C-alpha atoms as a PDB file:
ATOM      1  CA  MET A   1       0.000   0.000   0.000  1.00  0.00           C
ATOM      2  CA  PRO A   2       1.359   3.467  -0.881  1.00  0.00           C
ATOM      3  CA  ALA A   3       2.535   5.777   1.847  1.00  0.00           C
ATOM      4  CA  ILE A   4       0.011   8.149   3.352  1.00  0.00           C
ATOM      5  CA  PRO A   5       0.865  11.749   2.458  1.00  0.00           C
ATOM      6  CA  ASP A   6       2.310  13.774   5.308  1.00  0.00           C
ATOM      7  CA  PRO A   7       0.859  17.313   5.075  1.00  0.00           C
ATOM      8  CA  ALA A   8       3.846  18.594   7.035  1.00  0.00           C
ATOM      9  CA  THR A   9       6.211  17.621   4.216  1.00  0.00           C
ATOM     10  CA  SER A  10       3.976  17.528   1.148  1.00  0.00           C
ATOM     11  CA  PRO A  11       0.425  18.693   0.565  1.00  0.00           C
ATOM     12  CA  VAL A  12      -2.472  16.309   0.071  1.00  0.00           C
ATOM     13  CA  ARG A  13      -3.056  16.308  -3.680  1.00  0.00           C
ATOM     14  CA  VAL A  14      -6.745  16.780  -4.536  1.00  0.00           C
ATOM     15  CA  ALA A  15      -8.550  16.513  -7.881  1.00  0.00           C
ATOM     16  CA  ILE A  16     -11.996  18.037  -8.357  1.00  0.00           C
ATOM     17  CA  ALA A  17     -14.406  16.440 -10.861  1.00  0.00           C
ATOM     18  CA  ASP A  18     -17.581  18.458 -11.379  1.00  0.00           C
ATOM     19  CA  ASP A  19     -19.391  19.611 -14.505  1.00  0.00           C
ATOM     20  CA  SER A  20     -20.268  23.016 -13.012  1.00  0.00           C
ATOM     21  CA  ASP A  21     -17.570  25.543 -13.895  1.00  0.00           C
ATOM     22  CA  ASP A  22     -18.432  27.777 -10.936  1.00  0.00           C
ATOM     23  CA  LEU A  23     -18.505  24.978  -8.382  1.00  0.00           C
ATOM     24  CA  ARG A  24     -15.308  23.407  -9.720  1.00  0.00           C
ATOM     25  CA  LEU A  25     -13.498  26.751  -9.417  1.00  0.00           C
ATOM     26  CA  MET A  26     -14.948  27.436  -5.955  1.00  0.00           C
ATOM     27  CA  LEU A  27     -13.942  23.980  -4.690  1.00  0.00           C
ATOM     28  CA  ALA A  28     -10.433  24.343  -6.118  1.00  0.00           C
ATOM     29  CA  GLU A  29     -10.066  27.706  -4.359  1.00  0.00           C
ATOM     30  CA  LEU A  30     -11.383  26.210  -1.116  1.00  0.00           C
ATOM     31  CA  VAL A  31      -8.893  23.338  -1.323  1.00  0.00           C
ATOM     32  CA  ASN A  32      -5.968  25.621  -2.186  1.00  0.00           C
ATOM     33  CA  ALA A  33      -6.843  27.954   0.709  1.00  0.00           C
ATOM     34  CA  SER A  34      -6.763  25.035   3.158  1.00  0.00           C
ATOM     35  CA  PRO A  35      -3.373  24.381   4.772  1.00  0.00           C
ATOM     36  CA  GLY A  36      -1.814  21.125   3.664  1.00  0.00           C
ATOM     37  CA  LEU A  37      -4.105  20.689   0.627  1.00  0.00           C
ATOM     38  CA  GLU A  38      -3.424  21.391  -3.043  1.00  0.00           C
ATOM     39  CA  CYS A  39      -5.790  21.124  -6.018  1.00  0.00           C
ATOM     40  CA  VAL A  40      -3.837  19.345  -8.765  1.00  0.00           C
ATOM     41  CA  ALA A  41      -6.643  18.910 -11.319  1.00  0.00           C
ATOM     42  CA  ARG A  42     -10.043  20.292 -12.226  1.00  0.00           C
ATOM     43  CA  ILE A  43     -11.865  17.715 -14.312  1.00  0.00           C
ATOM     44  CA  THR A  44     -14.735  18.981 -16.434  1.00  0.00           C
ATOM     45  CA  THR A  45     -16.160  15.865 -18.129  1.00  0.00           C
ATOM     46  CA  PRO A  46     -16.455  12.136 -17.469  1.00  0.00           C
ATOM     47  CA  ASP A  47     -14.400  11.543 -20.628  1.00  0.00           C
ATOM     48  CA  GLU A  48     -11.403  13.257 -18.977  1.00  0.00           C
ATOM     49  CA  LEU A  49     -11.808  11.525 -15.642  1.00  0.00           C
ATOM     50  CA  MET A  50      -9.810   8.281 -15.890  1.00  0.00           C
ATOM     51  CA  ALA A  51      -6.907   9.764 -17.854  1.00  0.00           C
ATOM     52  CA  THR A  52      -6.586  12.845 -15.655  1.00  0.00           C
ATOM     53  CA  VAL A  53      -6.668  10.830 -12.433  1.00  0.00           C
ATOM     54  CA  ALA A  54      -4.039   8.463 -13.850  1.00  0.00           C
ATOM     55  CA  GLU A  55      -1.889  11.394 -15.008  1.00  0.00           C
ATOM     56  CA  THR A  56      -2.100  13.541 -11.861  1.00  0.00           C
ATOM     57  CA  ALA A  57      -2.256  10.722  -9.269  1.00  0.00           C
ATOM     58  CA  PRO A  58      -4.237  12.672  -6.664  1.00  0.00           C
ATOM     59  CA  ASP A  59      -4.410  11.449  -3.100  1.00  0.00           C
ATOM     60  CA  VAL A  60      -8.118  12.365  -3.020  1.00  0.00           C
ATOM     61  CA  LEU A  61     -10.691  12.786  -5.795  1.00  0.00           C
ATOM     62  CA  VAL A  62     -13.793  14.872  -5.049  1.00  0.00           C
ATOM     63  CA  LEU A  63     -16.310  13.438  -7.526  1.00  0.00           C
ATOM     64  CA  ASP A  64     -19.682  14.938  -8.391  1.00  0.00           C
ATOM     65  CA  LEU A  65     -22.415  12.324  -8.068  1.00  0.00           C
ATOM     66  CA  LEU A  66     -24.240  13.484 -11.198  1.00  0.00           C
ATOM     67  CA  PHE A  67     -21.270  14.144 -13.452  1.00  0.00           C
ATOM     68  CA  GLY A  68     -21.959  15.014 -17.071  1.00  0.00           C
ATOM     69  CA  GLY A  69     -25.632  14.167 -16.661  1.00  0.00           C
ATOM     70  CA  VAL A  70     -25.054  10.577 -15.513  1.00  0.00           C
ATOM     71  CA  SER A  71     -24.391   8.917 -12.171  1.00  0.00           C
ATOM     72  CA  SER A  72     -20.718   8.647 -11.340  1.00  0.00           C
ATOM     73  CA  LEU A  73     -21.305   5.708  -8.957  1.00  0.00           C
ATOM     74  CA  PRO A  74     -20.464   3.074 -11.624  1.00  0.00           C
ATOM     75  CA  LEU A  75     -17.116   4.834 -12.151  1.00  0.00           C
ATOM     76  CA  VAL A  76     -16.035   4.499  -8.518  1.00  0.00           C
ATOM     77  CA  PRO A  77     -14.986   0.809  -8.680  1.00  0.00           C
ATOM     78  CA  GLN A  78     -13.220   1.451 -12.002  1.00  0.00           C
ATOM     79  CA  LEU A  79     -11.338   4.406 -10.558  1.00  0.00           C
ATOM     80  CA  ARG A  80     -10.368   2.418  -7.458  1.00  0.00           C
ATOM     81  CA  ALA A  81      -9.145  -0.516  -9.553  1.00  0.00           C
ATOM     82  CA  ALA A  82      -7.066   1.708 -11.828  1.00  0.00           C
ATOM     83  CA  ASN A  83      -5.823   4.083  -9.121  1.00  0.00           C
ATOM     84  CA  SER A  84      -5.798   2.213  -5.834  1.00  0.00           C
ATOM     85  CA  ARG A  85      -4.028   4.984  -3.912  1.00  0.00           C
ATOM     86  CA  THR A  86      -6.613   7.636  -4.855  1.00  0.00           C
ATOM     87  CA  ARG A  87      -9.381   7.911  -2.264  1.00  0.00           C
ATOM     88  CA  ILE A  88     -12.779   9.059  -3.548  1.00  0.00           C
ATOM     89  CA  VAL A  89     -15.132  11.506  -1.847  1.00  0.00           C
ATOM     90  CA  ILE A  90     -18.543  11.754  -3.530  1.00  0.00           C
ATOM     91  CA  HIS A  91     -19.986  15.281  -3.534  1.00  0.00           C
ATOM     92  CA  SER A  92     -23.728  15.345  -4.125  1.00  0.00           C
ATOM     93  CA  GLY A  93     -26.580  17.790  -4.413  1.00  0.00           C
ATOM     94  CA  TYR A  94     -29.040  14.924  -3.958  1.00  0.00           C
ATOM     95  CA  ASP A  95     -30.337  13.111  -0.887  1.00  0.00           C
ATOM     96  CA  ILE A  96     -27.132  11.418   0.214  1.00  0.00           C
ATOM     97  CA  SER A  97     -28.797   9.160   2.766  1.00  0.00           C
ATOM     98  CA  ARG A  98     -30.157   6.989  -0.063  1.00  0.00           C
ATOM     99  CA  LEU A  99     -26.898   7.002  -2.019  1.00  0.00           C
ATOM    100  CA  ALA A 100     -24.260   6.683   0.656  1.00  0.00           C
ATOM    101  CA  ALA A 101     -24.384   2.900   0.990  1.00  0.00           C
ATOM    102  CA  SER A 102     -24.023   2.365  -2.772  1.00  0.00           C
ATOM    103  CA  ALA A 103     -21.158   4.825  -2.983  1.00  0.00           C
ATOM    104  CA  LEU A 104     -19.322   3.336  -0.024  1.00  0.00           C
ATOM    105  CA  ASP A 105     -19.914  -0.227  -1.248  1.00  0.00           C
ATOM    106  CA  GLY A 106     -18.396   0.799  -4.587  1.00  0.00           C
ATOM    107  CA  GLY A 107     -15.208   2.072  -2.948  1.00  0.00           C
ATOM    108  CA  ALA A 108     -15.838   5.721  -2.087  1.00  0.00           C
ATOM    109  CA  VAL A 109     -14.663   6.705   1.378  1.00  0.00           C
ATOM    110  CA  ALA A 110     -17.200   9.467   2.047  1.00  0.00           C
ATOM    111  CA  VAL A 111     -20.344  11.070   0.677  1.00  0.00           C
ATOM    112  CA  ILE A 112     -20.723  14.784   1.403  1.00  0.00           C
ATOM    113  CA  PRO A 113     -23.706  16.989   0.508  1.00  0.00           C
ATOM    114  CA  LYS A 114     -23.254  20.001  -1.728  1.00  0.00           C
ATOM    115  CA  GLY A 115     -24.414  23.223  -0.174  1.00  0.00           C
ATOM    116  CA  GLY A 116     -23.319  22.165   3.301  1.00  0.00           C
ATOM    117  CA  ASP A 117     -20.569  23.588   5.445  1.00  0.00           C
ATOM    118  CA  PRO A 118     -17.403  23.801   3.316  1.00  0.00           C
ATOM    119  CA  GLU A 119     -15.388  22.678   6.341  1.00  0.00           C
ATOM    120  CA  GLU A 120     -17.288  19.376   6.252  1.00  0.00           C
ATOM    121  CA  LEU A 121     -15.877  18.732   2.776  1.00  0.00           C
ATOM    122  CA  ILE A 122     -12.362  19.758   3.821  1.00  0.00           C
ATOM    123  CA  ALA A 123     -12.592  17.465   6.860  1.00  0.00           C
ATOM    124  CA  ALA A 124     -13.731  14.577   4.618  1.00  0.00           C
ATOM    125  CA  ILE A 125     -10.785  15.198   2.276  1.00  0.00           C
ATOM    126  CA  ARG A 126      -8.378  15.146   5.208  1.00  0.00           C
ATOM    127  CA  ARG A 127      -9.895  11.934   6.630  1.00  0.00           C
ATOM    128  CA  ALA A 128      -9.762  10.309   3.205  1.00  0.00           C
ATOM    129  CA  ALA A 129      -6.101  11.259   2.788  1.00  0.00           C
ATOM    130  CA  VAL A 130      -5.146   9.400   5.938  1.00  0.00           C
ATOM    131  CA  GLY A 131      -7.327   6.428   5.087  1.00  0.00           C
ATOM    132  CA  ARG A 132     -10.075   6.946   7.620  1.00  0.00           C
ATOM    133  CA  GLY A 133     -12.813   7.748   5.080  1.00  0.00           C
END
């Protein structure tokens, strides 16, 4: 298993995958403003997802649940298989209570609602980076 990133020596590398330009930019700014975190990729379409994650090797991927008009849940096991060190946090504007079990069963480590406290997302990213989901 790959080493867990140590924020004291290197930032946690985060990729943001969301089809909303405004939200993707806002999340990237939030991540970059958080000590010990760095946004290394902003992914705009599902077509870019696998290649960009493979190329940038983020520690954590924040993945929109409805990405490009389709559910991203089927992509989670594929992403985990291809990039086992990347931990996935699902970010959803939908009722997460009904989706959380499916997302977690597929390999995501957390499901966080959109529109909630931004610190909740940052905390989930930090937990994911150290493997606590």
